Each structure stands twice: as C-alpha cells, then as structure tokens.
C-alpha atoms as a PDB file:
ATOM      1  CA  MET A   1      60.923 -68.885  34.673  1.00  0.00           C
ATOM      2  CA  THR A   2      60.709 -68.435  38.757  1.00  0.00           C
ATOM      3  CA  THR A   3      64.069 -67.944  39.870  1.00  0.00           C
ATOM      4  CA  VAL A   4      65.222 -69.690  43.376  1.00  0.00           C
ATOM      5  CA  GLN A   5      65.367 -66.351  44.977  1.00  0.00           C
ATOM      6  CA  GLU A   6      61.852 -65.345  43.714  1.00  0.00           C
ATOM      7  CA  ALA A   7      60.465 -68.274  45.468  1.00  0.00           C
ATOM      8  CA  ALA A   8      62.461 -67.629  48.526  1.00  0.00           C
ATOM      9  CA  ASP A   9      61.158 -64.327  48.649  1.00  0.00           C
ATOM     10  CA  ARG A  10      57.452 -65.607  48.268  1.00  0.00           C
ATOM     11  CA  ARG A  11      58.000 -68.010  51.241  1.00  0.00           C
ATOM     12  CA  VAL A  12      59.029 -65.147  53.455  1.00  0.00           C
ATOM     13  CA  ALA A  13      56.056 -62.769  52.485  1.00  0.00           C
ATOM     14  CA  ALA A  14      53.572 -65.650  52.562  1.00  0.00           C
ATOM     15  CA  PRO A  15      52.300 -65.954  56.260  1.00  0.00           C
ATOM     16  CA  PRO A  16      52.815 -69.432  57.652  1.00  0.00           C
ATOM     17  CA  PRO A  17      49.138 -71.370  57.809  1.00  0.00           C
ATOM     18  CA  ARG A  18      47.840 -71.461  61.113  1.00  0.00           C
ATOM     19  CA  GLY A  19      46.325 -74.275  63.232  1.00  0.00           C
ATOM     20  CA  ALA A  20      42.361 -74.416  64.093  1.00  0.00           C
ATOM     21  CA  ILE A  21      43.348 -73.468  67.816  1.00  0.00           C
ATOM     22  CA  ALA A  22      45.810 -70.460  66.827  1.00  0.00           C
ATOM     23  CA  GLN A  23      42.951 -69.178  64.342  1.00  0.00           C
ATOM     24  CA  SER A  24      40.206 -69.479  67.250  1.00  0.00           C
ATOM     25  CA  VAL A  25      42.169 -67.469  69.552  1.00  0.00           C
ATOM     26  CA  SER A  26      43.325 -64.783  67.235  1.00  0.00           C
ATOM     27  CA  ASP A  27      39.627 -64.422  66.184  1.00  0.00           C
ATOM     28  CA  SER A  28      38.304 -64.480  69.549  1.00  0.00           C
ATOM     29  CA  LEU A  29      40.584 -61.812  70.910  1.00  0.00           C
ATOM     30  CA  VAL A  30      39.312 -59.629  67.681  1.00  0.00           C
ATOM     31  CA  VAL A  31      36.009 -59.849  68.602  1.00  0.00           C
ATOM     32  CA  ALA A  32      36.599 -59.128  71.939  1.00  0.00           C
ATOM     33  CA  LYS A  33      38.163 -56.234  71.115  1.00  0.00           C
ATOM     34  CA  ARG A  34      35.433 -55.112  69.244  1.00  0.00           C
ATOM     35  CA  ASN A  35      33.127 -55.381  72.015  1.00  0.00           C
ATOM     36  CA  LEU A  36      35.249 -53.687  74.508  1.00  0.00           C
ATOM     37  CA  ILE A  37      35.687 -50.612  72.418  1.00  0.00           C
ATOM     38  CA  ARG A  38      31.830 -50.551  71.847  1.00  0.00           C
ATOM     39  CA  MET A  39      31.630 -50.668  75.681  1.00  0.00           C
ATOM     40  CA  THR A  40      34.067 -47.686  75.831  1.00  0.00           C
ATOM     41  CA  ARG A  41      31.828 -45.907  73.593  1.00  0.00           C
ATOM     42  CA  ILE A  42      28.518 -46.588  75.470  1.00  0.00           C
ATOM     43  CA  PRO A  43      29.669 -46.181  79.347  1.00  0.00           C
ATOM     44  CA  GLU A  44      26.280 -46.026  80.605  1.00  0.00           C
ATOM     45  CA  MET A  45      26.567 -49.815  80.170  1.00  0.00           C
ATOM     46  CA  ILE A  46      29.115 -49.787  82.643  1.00  0.00           C
ATOM     47  CA  ILE A  47      27.760 -47.274  85.072  1.00  0.00           C
ATOM     48  CA  PHE A  48      24.209 -48.698  85.161  1.00  0.00           C
ATOM     49  CA  GLY A  49      25.494 -52.214  85.657  1.00  0.00           C
ATOM     50  CA  LEU A  50      27.449 -50.845  89.123  1.00  0.00           C
ATOM     51  CA  PHE A  51      24.199 -49.309  90.385  1.00  0.00           C
ATOM     52  CA  GLN A  52      22.727 -52.861  91.218  1.00  0.00           C
ATOM     53  CA  PRO A  53      25.435 -54.231  93.147  1.00  0.00           C
ATOM     54  CA  ILE A  54      26.059 -51.009  95.050  1.00  0.00           C
ATOM     55  CA  MET A  55      22.583 -50.897  95.956  1.00  0.00           C
ATOM     56  CA  PHE A  56      22.266 -54.432  97.525  1.00  0.00           C
ATOM     57  CA  VAL A  57      25.372 -53.801  99.487  1.00  0.00           C
ATOM     58  CA  VAL A  58      24.041 -50.663 100.983  1.00  0.00           C
ATOM     59  CA  LEU A  59      20.504 -51.825 101.321  1.00  0.00           C
ATOM     60  CA  PHE A  60      21.406 -55.122 102.829  1.00  0.00           C
ATOM     61  CA  THR A  61      24.126 -53.896 105.338  1.00  0.00           C
ATOM     62  CA  TYR A  62      22.267 -51.108 106.828  1.00  0.00           C
ATOM     63  CA  VAL A  63      18.765 -52.315 106.861  1.00  0.00           C
ATOM     64  CA  PHE A  64      19.555 -56.063 107.556  1.00  0.00           C
ATOM     65  CA  GLY A  65      22.848 -55.635 109.003  1.00  0.00           C
ATOM     66  CA  GLY A  66      21.697 -55.991 112.908  1.00  0.00           C
ATOM     67  CA  SER A  67      18.594 -58.269 112.261  1.00  0.00           C
ATOM     68  CA  ILE A  68      20.238 -61.412 110.769  1.00  0.00           C
ATOM     69  CA  GLN A  69      22.007 -63.911 112.752  1.00  0.00           C
ATOM     70  CA  VAL A  70      24.917 -65.683 111.310  1.00  0.00           C
ATOM     71  CA  GLY A  71      26.800 -68.128 113.405  1.00  0.00           C
ATOM     72  CA  SER A  72      26.531 -66.878 116.919  1.00  0.00           C
ATOM     73  CA  SER A  73      26.952 -63.228 116.035  1.00  0.00           C
ATOM     74  CA  ILE A  74      23.703 -60.674 115.161  1.00  0.00           C
ATOM     75  CA  SER A  75      26.426 -57.678 114.966  1.00  0.00           C
ATOM     76  CA  PRO A  76      26.133 -55.201 111.591  1.00  0.00           C
ATOM     77  CA  GLN A  77      29.849 -55.847 111.046  1.00  0.00           C
ATOM     78  CA  ALA A  78      29.942 -59.464 111.194  1.00  0.00           C
ATOM     79  CA  TYR A  79      26.864 -59.680 108.751  1.00  0.00           C
ATOM     80  CA  ARG A  80      28.571 -57.396 106.559  1.00  0.00           C
ATOM     81  CA  GLU A  81      32.087 -59.362 106.255  1.00  0.00           C
ATOM     82  CA  PHE A  82      29.588 -62.447 105.919  1.00  0.00           C
ATOM     83  CA  LEU A  83      27.536 -60.587 103.042  1.00  0.00           C
ATOM     84  CA  MET A  84      29.935 -59.584 100.605  1.00  0.00           C
ATOM     85  CA  ALA A  85      30.947 -62.822  99.279  1.00  0.00           C
ATOM     86  CA  GLY A  86      27.228 -63.132  98.298  1.00  0.00           C
ATOM     87  CA  ILE A  87      27.135 -60.117  96.816  1.00  0.00           C
ATOM     88  CA  PHE A  88      30.300 -60.586  94.796  1.00  0.00           C
ATOM     89  CA  ALA A  89      28.842 -63.789  93.737  1.00  0.00           C
ATOM     90  CA  GLN A  90      25.552 -62.392  92.781  1.00  0.00           C
ATOM     91  CA  THR A  91      27.422 -59.590  90.845  1.00  0.00           C
ATOM     92  CA  VAL A  92      29.131 -61.870  88.671  1.00  0.00           C
ATOM     93  CA  THR A  93      26.179 -64.275  88.065  1.00  0.00           C
ATOM     94  CA  PHE A  94      23.535 -61.401  87.199  1.00  0.00           C
ATOM     95  CA  ALA A  95      26.114 -60.160  84.652  1.00  0.00           C
ATOM     96  CA  THR A  96      24.668 -63.288  82.413  1.00  0.00           C
ATOM     97  CA  ALA A  97      21.376 -61.034  81.602  1.00  0.00           C
ATOM     98  CA  GLY A  98      23.453 -58.672  79.720  1.00  0.00           C
ATOM     99  CA  ALA A  99      25.822 -61.392  77.882  1.00  0.00           C
ATOM    100  CA  GLY A 100      22.307 -62.929  76.780  1.00  0.00           C
ATOM    101  CA  ALA A 101      20.905 -59.514  75.602  1.00  0.00           C
ATOM    102  CA  GLY A 102      23.969 -58.350  73.861  1.00  0.00           C
ATOM    103  CA  ILE A 103      24.260 -61.935  71.602  1.00  0.00           C
ATOM    104  CA  ALA A 104      20.325 -61.606  71.186  1.00  0.00           C
ATOM    105  CA  ASP A 105      20.893 -57.971  69.910  1.00  0.00           C
ATOM    106  CA  ASP A 106      23.772 -58.959  67.640  1.00  0.00           C
ATOM    107  CA  MET A 107      21.542 -61.576  66.030  1.00  0.00           C
ATOM    108  CA  HIS A 108      18.554 -59.501  65.877  1.00  0.00           C
ATOM    109  CA  LYS A 109      20.491 -56.547  63.936  1.00  0.00           C
ATOM    110  CA  GLY A 110      22.215 -59.393  61.588  1.00  0.00           C
ATOM    111  CA  LEU A 111      25.583 -58.762  62.945  1.00  0.00           C
ATOM    112  CA  ILE A 112      26.238 -62.547  63.412  1.00  0.00           C
ATOM    113  CA  ASP A 113      25.465 -63.161  59.693  1.00  0.00           C
ATOM    114  CA  ARG A 114      27.859 -60.879  58.772  1.00  0.00           C
ATOM    115  CA  PHE A 115      30.682 -62.533  61.093  1.00  0.00           C
ATOM    116  CA  ARG A 116      29.920 -66.020  59.257  1.00  0.00           C
ATOM    117  CA  SER A 117      30.753 -64.302  56.202  1.00  0.00           C
ATOM    118  CA  LEU A 118      34.516 -64.140  57.151  1.00  0.00           C
ATOM    119  CA  PRO A 119      36.949 -66.599  57.046  1.00  0.00           C
ATOM    120  CA  MET A 120      36.900 -66.908  61.203  1.00  0.00           C
ATOM    121  CA  ALA A 121      36.473 -69.951  63.385  1.00  0.00           C
ATOM    122  CA  ARG A 122      32.499 -70.522  64.287  1.00  0.00           C
ATOM    123  CA  GLY A 123      32.871 -70.313  68.323  1.00  0.00           C
ATOM    124  CA  ALA A 124      35.148 -67.164  68.125  1.00  0.00           C
ATOM    125  CA  VAL A 125      32.198 -64.710  67.925  1.00  0.00           C
ATOM    126  CA  LEU A 126      30.888 -66.292  71.325  1.00  0.00           C
ATOM    127  CA  THR A 127      34.280 -66.527  73.021  1.00  0.00           C
ATOM    128  CA  GLY A 128      35.125 -62.936  71.895  1.00  0.00           C
ATOM    129  CA  ARG A 129      31.941 -61.599  73.483  1.00  0.00           C
ATOM    130  CA  THR A 130      31.991 -63.744  76.704  1.00  0.00           C
ATOM    131  CA  LEU A 131      35.912 -62.436  77.373  1.00  0.00           C
ATOM    132  CA  ALA A 132      34.589 -59.091  76.829  1.00  0.00           C
ATOM    133  CA  ASP A 133      31.844 -59.667  79.613  1.00  0.00           C
ATOM    134  CA  LEU A 134      34.534 -61.089  81.684  1.00  0.00           C
ATOM    135  CA  VAL A 135      36.529 -57.820  81.318  1.00  0.00           C
ATOM    136  CA  GLN A 136      33.592 -55.636  82.388  1.00  0.00           C
ATOM    137  CA  THR A 137      32.743 -58.141  85.143  1.00  0.00           C
ATOM    138  CA  ALA A 138      36.348 -57.570  86.545  1.00  0.00           C
ATOM    139  CA  LEU A 139      36.038 -53.960  86.551  1.00  0.00           C
ATOM    140  CA  THR A 140      32.652 -54.422  88.473  1.00  0.00           C
ATOM    141  CA  LEU A 141      34.211 -56.363  90.884  1.00  0.00           C
ATOM    142  CA  VAL A 142      37.046 -54.050  91.490  1.00  0.00           C
ATOM    143  CA  VAL A 143      34.689 -51.019  92.101  1.00  0.00           C
ATOM    144  CA  LEU A 144      32.516 -52.862  94.139  1.00  0.00           C
ATOM    145  CA  ALA A 145      35.658 -53.911  96.221  1.00  0.00           C
ATOM    146  CA  VAL A 146      36.265 -50.448  96.999  1.00  0.00           C
ATOM    147  CA  VAL A 147      32.982 -49.601  97.706  1.00  0.00           C
ATOM    148  CA  ALA A 148      32.660 -52.397 100.266  1.00  0.00           C
ATOM    149  CA  LEU A 149      35.768 -51.378 101.903  1.00  0.00           C
ATOM    150  CA  ILE A 150      34.379 -47.794 102.524  1.00  0.00           C
ATOM    151  CA  LEU A 151      31.607 -49.220 104.082  1.00  0.00           C
ATOM    152  CA  GLY A 152      33.634 -51.297 106.443  1.00  0.00           C
ATOM    153  CA  TRP A 153      34.373 -54.630 104.819  1.00  0.00           C
ATOM    154  CA  ARG A 154      37.791 -56.186 105.569  1.00  0.00           C
ATOM    155  CA  VAL A 155      39.516 -59.401 104.636  1.00  0.00           C
ATOM    156  CA  HIS A 156      41.597 -61.230 107.289  1.00  0.00           C
ATOM    157  CA  GLU A 157      43.763 -63.691 105.296  1.00  0.00           C
ATOM    158  CA  ASN A 158      46.753 -62.886 102.811  1.00  0.00           C
ATOM    159  CA  ILE A 159      46.868 -61.398  99.519  1.00  0.00           C
ATOM    160  CA  GLY A 160      47.299 -64.661  97.854  1.00  0.00           C
ATOM    161  CA  LYS A 161      44.026 -66.262  98.978  1.00  0.00           C
ATOM    162  CA  VAL A 162      42.230 -62.848  98.386  1.00  0.00           C
ATOM    163  CA  LEU A 163      43.334 -63.166  94.749  1.00  0.00           C
ATOM    164  CA  LEU A 164      42.422 -66.814  94.415  1.00  0.00           C
ATOM    165  CA  GLY A 165      38.955 -65.788  96.031  1.00  0.00           C
ATOM    166  CA  PHE A 166      38.396 -63.031  93.005  1.00  0.00           C
ATOM    167  CA  LEU A 167      39.795 -65.701  90.569  1.00  0.00           C
ATOM    168  CA  LEU A 168      36.985 -68.340  91.585  1.00  0.00           C
ATOM    169  CA  LEU A 169      34.340 -65.407  91.092  1.00  0.00           C
ATOM    170  CA  LEU A 170      35.653 -64.364  87.662  1.00  0.00           C
ATOM    171  CA  LEU A 171      35.733 -68.158  86.831  1.00  0.00           C
ATOM    172  CA  LEU A 172      32.199 -68.733  87.918  1.00  0.00           C
ATOM    173  CA  GLY A 173      30.970 -65.396  86.202  1.00  0.00           C
ATOM    174  CA  TYR A 174      32.677 -66.425  82.671  1.00  0.00           C
ATOM    175  CA  ALA A 175      30.974 -70.224  83.139  1.00  0.00           C
ATOM    176  CA  PHE A 176      27.860 -68.225  83.828  1.00  0.00           C
ATOM    177  CA  SER A 177      28.066 -66.322  80.850  1.00  0.00           C
ATOM    178  CA  TRP A 178      27.957 -69.154  78.515  1.00  0.00           C
ATOM    179  CA  ILE A 179      24.360 -69.658  79.865  1.00  0.00           C
ATOM    180  CA  GLY A 180      23.636 -66.230  78.940  1.00  0.00           C
ATOM    181  CA  ALA A 181      24.662 -66.639  75.366  1.00  0.00           C
ATOM    182  CA  LEU A 182      22.779 -70.000  75.003  1.00  0.00           C
ATOM    183  CA  ILE A 183      19.913 -68.011  75.705  1.00  0.00           C
ATOM    184  CA  GLY A 184      20.640 -65.174  73.818  1.00  0.00           C
ATOM    185  CA  LEU A 185      20.957 -67.545  70.911  1.00  0.00           C
ATOM    186  CA  SER A 186      17.485 -69.050  71.474  1.00  0.00           C
ATOM    187  CA  VAL A 187      15.412 -66.233  71.840  1.00  0.00           C
ATOM    188  CA  ARG A 188      14.218 -63.446  68.904  1.00  0.00           C
ATOM    189  CA  THR A 189      14.599 -59.973  70.780  1.00  0.00           C
ATOM    190  CA  PRO A 190      17.187 -58.462  73.649  1.00  0.00           C
ATOM    191  CA  GLU A 191      14.103 -57.870  75.881  1.00  0.00           C
ATOM    192  CA  ALA A 192      13.084 -61.590  76.033  1.00  0.00           C
ATOM    193  CA  ALA A 193      17.157 -62.602  76.585  1.00  0.00           C
ATOM    194  CA  THR A 194      17.148 -60.165  79.527  1.00  0.00           C
ATOM    195  CA  SER A 195      14.088 -61.666  81.026  1.00  0.00           C
ATOM    196  CA  GLY A 196      15.089 -65.158  80.267  1.00  0.00           C
ATOM    197  CA  GLY A 197      18.588 -64.498  81.711  1.00  0.00           C
ATOM    198  CA  LEU A 198      16.938 -63.210  85.195  1.00  0.00           C
ATOM    199  CA  ILE A 199      14.076 -65.379  85.805  1.00  0.00           C
ATOM    200  CA  TRP A 200      16.219 -68.486  86.785  1.00  0.00           C
ATOM    201  CA  LEU A 201      18.945 -66.491  88.364  1.00  0.00           C
ATOM    202  CA  PHE A 202      16.920 -65.199  91.266  1.00  0.00           C
ATOM    203  CA  PRO A 203      15.948 -68.506  92.740  1.00  0.00           C
ATOM    204  CA  LEU A 204      19.583 -69.545  92.308  1.00  0.00           C
ATOM    205  CA  THR A 205      20.619 -66.815  94.245  1.00  0.00           C
ATOM    206  CA  PHE A 206      18.677 -66.529  97.075  1.00  0.00           C
ATOM    207  CA  ILE A 207      18.184 -70.260  97.690  1.00  0.00           C
ATOM    208  CA  SER A 208      21.944 -70.249  98.621  1.00  0.00           C
ATOM    209  CA  ASN A 209      23.895 -69.170 101.498  1.00  0.00           C
ATOM    210  CA  ALA A 210      24.811 -65.598 100.014  1.00  0.00           C
ATOM    211  CA  PHE A 211      22.644 -63.624 102.228  1.00  0.00           C
ATOM    212  CA  VAL A 212      21.917 -65.964 105.359  1.00  0.00           C
ATOM    213  CA  ASP A 213      23.169 -68.835 107.162  1.00  0.00           C
ATOM    214  CA  ALA A 214      21.918 -72.147 105.178  1.00  0.00           C
ATOM    215  CA  ASN A 215      21.706 -74.028 108.388  1.00  0.00           C
ATOM    216  CA  ASN A 216      18.785 -71.822 109.137  1.00  0.00           C
ATOM    217  CA  MET A 217      16.748 -73.068 106.260  1.00  0.00           C
ATOM    218  CA  PRO A 218      14.178 -75.892 106.257  1.00  0.00           C
ATOM    219  CA  GLY A 219      15.744 -79.271 105.542  1.00  0.00           C
ATOM    220  CA  PHE A 220      14.940 -79.566 102.220  1.00  0.00           C
ATOM    221  CA  LEU A 221      15.852 -75.819 101.229  1.00  0.00           C
ATOM    222  CA  GLN A 222      19.049 -76.456 103.086  1.00  0.00           C
ATOM    223  CA  THR A 223      20.014 -79.400 100.914  1.00  0.00           C
ATOM    224  CA  ILE A 224      19.304 -77.462  97.741  1.00  0.00           C
ATOM    225  CA  ALA A 225      21.219 -74.424  98.992  1.00  0.00           C
ATOM    226  CA  GLU A 226      24.432 -76.766 100.102  1.00  0.00           C
ATOM    227  CA  TRP A 227      24.464 -78.327  96.443  1.00  0.00           C
ATOM    228  CA  ASN A 228      24.088 -75.127  94.686  1.00  0.00           C
ATOM    229  CA  PRO A 229      27.048 -74.053  92.615  1.00  0.00           C
ATOM    230  CA  PHE A 230      26.647 -70.758  93.608  1.00  0.00           C
ATOM    231  CA  SER A 231      26.979 -71.461  97.342  1.00  0.00           C
ATOM    232  CA  ALA A 232      29.837 -73.317  96.794  1.00  0.00           C
ATOM    233  CA  THR A 233      31.681 -70.420  95.350  1.00  0.00           C
ATOM    234  CA  VAL A 234      30.143 -67.986  98.235  1.00  0.00           C
ATOM    235  CA  GLN A 235      31.432 -70.342 100.795  1.00  0.00           C
ATOM    236  CA  ALA A 236      35.102 -70.508  99.067  1.00  0.00           C
ATOM    237  CA  CYS A 237      35.540 -66.910  99.031  1.00  0.00           C
ATOM    238  CA  ARG A 238      34.267 -66.459 102.606  1.00  0.00           C
ATOM    239  CA  GLU A 239      36.920 -68.627 103.929  1.00  0.00           C
ATOM    240  CA  LEU A 240      39.681 -67.380 101.610  1.00  0.00           C
ATOM    241  CA  PHE A 241      38.610 -63.774 102.556  1.00  0.00           C
ATOM    242  CA  GLY A 242      38.771 -64.761 106.128  1.00  0.00           C
ATOM    243  CA  ASN A 243      34.946 -63.729 106.661  1.00  0.00           C
ATOM    244  CA  LEU A 244      33.287 -66.889 108.531  1.00  0.00           C
ATOM    245  CA  PRO A 245      31.663 -65.290 111.053  1.00  0.00           C
ATOM    246  CA  PRO A 246      32.374 -66.363 114.987  1.00  0.00           C
ATOM    247  CA  GLY A 247      30.806 -69.566 115.770  1.00  0.00           C
ATOM    248  CA  PHE A 248      29.622 -70.259 112.068  1.00  0.00           C
ATOM    249  CA  GLN A 249      28.726 -74.067 111.909  1.00  0.00           C
ATOM    250  CA  THR A 250      30.006 -75.198 108.404  1.00  0.00           C
ATOM    251  CA  PRO A 251      27.365 -77.577 106.984  1.00  0.00           C
ATOM    252  CA  ASP A 252      28.230 -81.570 106.484  1.00  0.00           C
ATOM    253  CA  ALA A 253      27.437 -81.385 102.630  1.00  0.00           C
ATOM    254  CA  TRP A 254      30.669 -82.247 100.649  1.00  0.00           C
ATOM    255  CA  PRO A 255      30.704 -78.924  98.531  1.00  0.00           C
ATOM    256  CA  MET A 256      30.623 -76.896 101.730  1.00  0.00           C
ATOM    257  CA  GLN A 257      33.568 -78.926 103.355  1.00  0.00           C
ATOM    258  CA  ASN A 258      35.591 -78.516 100.164  1.00  0.00           C
ATOM    259  CA  PRO A 259      34.249 -75.212  98.629  1.00  0.00           C
ATOM    260  CA  VAL A 260      37.274 -74.287  96.893  1.00  0.00           C
ATOM    261  CA  LEU A 261      37.313 -77.690  95.094  1.00  0.00           C
ATOM    262  CA  ALA A 262      33.621 -77.549  94.665  1.00  0.00           C
ATOM    263  CA  SER A 263      33.637 -74.215  93.164  1.00  0.00           C
ATOM    264  CA  VAL A 264      36.238 -74.988  90.552  1.00  0.00           C
ATOM    265  CA  LEU A 265      34.518 -78.360  89.383  1.00  0.00           C
ATOM    266  CA  TRP A 266      31.051 -76.711  89.173  1.00  0.00           C
ATOM    267  CA  SER A 267      32.539 -74.011  87.307  1.00  0.00           C
ATOM    268  CA  VAL A 268      34.553 -75.878  84.791  1.00  0.00           C
ATOM    269  CA  LEU A 269      31.465 -78.152  84.336  1.00  0.00           C
ATOM    270  CA  ILE A 270      28.993 -75.647  83.676  1.00  0.00           C
ATOM    271  CA  LEU A 271      31.663 -74.047  81.239  1.00  0.00           C
ATOM    272  CA  VAL A 272      32.254 -77.391  79.204  1.00  0.00           C
ATOM    273  CA  VAL A 273      28.630 -78.105  79.098  1.00  0.00           C
ATOM    274  CA  PHE A 274      27.185 -74.673  77.994  1.00  0.00           C
ATOM    275  CA  ARG A 275      30.072 -73.938  76.002  1.00  0.00           C
ATOM    276  CA  THR A 276      29.458 -77.058  73.776  1.00  0.00           C
ATOM    277  CA  LEU A 277      25.486 -76.312  73.859  1.00  0.00           C
ATOM    278  CA  ALA A 278      25.775 -72.421  72.825  1.00  0.00           C
ATOM    279  CA  VAL A 279      28.253 -73.425  70.125  1.00  0.00           C
ATOM    280  CA  ARG A 280      26.435 -75.830  68.704  1.00  0.00           C
ATOM    281  CA  LYS A 281      23.288 -73.670  68.842  1.00  0.00           C
ATOM    282  CA  TYR A 282      25.329 -71.071  67.207  1.00  0.00           C
ATOM    283  CA  ARG A 283      25.998 -73.103  64.227  1.00  0.00           C
ATOM    284  CA  SER A 284      22.219 -74.278  63.704  1.00  0.00           C
ATOM    285  CA  ALA A 285      20.820 -70.919  64.260  1.00  0.00           C
ATOM    286  CA  THR A 286      22.708 -68.891  61.635  1.00  0.00           C
ATOM    287  CA  VAL A 287      22.750 -71.664  58.937  1.00  0.00           C
END
C-alpha cells in the first residue's frame, strides 16, 4: 500500500505537465541551439555569408559613390550614408536563401523525419531553425556595421533610434526567413532552395529605394518601389539613422510618409502569413 509520504515524494519528483505554448518554446530553443552549434562547427558558413554584403558596400561606395544623385547631392559621403540602410536590408533578406537551403538539406537527409519521431511541437523545428538564422543575421549586421563605419558611414541620431532601426532590420529578416522555410519545404534539393530563394529577391531589392532615389524612377516603377515592404524598412532606417541626404523629397505614398509603422506592419503580416503556410506545409510534407 502506498503511503502518504511516498505519494508526496512522487509528486515532487514528477515534472509538472507543460502547456502547448511552453512546450513549443522549449522545443524551439532546443532546435535553435542545435543549429547554432552546427554553425560554430562550420565557420565558413558565417565567413562566406559576410563576403557578399561587404563587397556590395565597397563596390557601390567607390564605383557609384560620386555618380548617383540622391536628393540634391552627388557627393560620395551623402550616397554612402544613403546606401547603408539599403545594404543592411538587402543583407537580412538575402539570408532567406540560406534558411531555405538549410531546411531543404534537413529534409533531404531525413533529419526532419527523425524530429517527427520525437515528442515535440510540430512548429518547433521550423521556429528553431529560423531563430538560429536570426542570430547569424544579427552577427552579420554587427560585422557589416563595423565595416561601414571604417569606410566612413555615420549615424546622426541618438542610440535609441539607431537600435530601433536595427531591430526593424532583424524583424524584416526574421519574417523573410519564413518565406525561405516555405521554399525549403517545397523543393527537393538544397540547390533548388538556394535558387528559389534568390530569384525573387533580386527584383524585390532592386525595384526599391535601396540603392537609388525612387523619385527618379519611371511612374509605375516608382509606385511599386514605394509600396515595396523592403522599401518601407529601408526608409525607416534612413530616418532613424539620420541618413536622409540634403534636399531629399520624401514620396507622398503612405509607407514612405510613415515608414516605421509601415515596416512593422509589413513584417508582421509577412511573418504571420508565411509562418502559417510553412507550418502547414511542414505537416503535409512529413506525413
């Protein structure tokens, strides 16, 4: 017969049941840790990821710096400060291709099926992967900002606004990583995921205000650029960094007049929609 003391001891020893949200958070952090450890063991993944944005900074600064007019200025310094928000935003969105390739690789190797056999939340595999990618993106932004400062980029606002700008960039990058997750689950090989993750990013980033003043674009392209989610984050960062050039005319479109709010709304909308689609695709792809 079980004594009262033995029953009490069992209640103390047994862990309390976790709710669905607590389990999902815990499982997501475990998967994120697994991916971060994997990244540290393959440092070339991070090193090669830094090369492209650094090359963009150097090439655009020194090749186009004195040739492109922004606002009323064609000085290299004005263009350098105008450019950096676009380079930062391009860097966080191009990480989408890496996220998709990583998930496609896990699918190809059967790792996803092994995760399925464990008592863990279904969405935790994708959430953990995207959180690990977010950490890598944050590291890349730090290194890129240091390189930009060395090349002459400066901010002209207080530290609170500057940090808010970088938070908006990370939010955009995290939202876009779920697009990469959906692509990675929808293709058969990591190579296809990389191609599928980049092919739509080039028009998204170049038909925007990232590298040139959208006011100088033809009418229909200007409208597309002004309502581009990518452009809203770029414009918000320029305002928060104090990098708007002299004589710059802010377009009349609502996202350009309210870029911080527009950036948050676009990023949250993309995050909600594509996380829902990716988790649904994950469930159907691994059944």
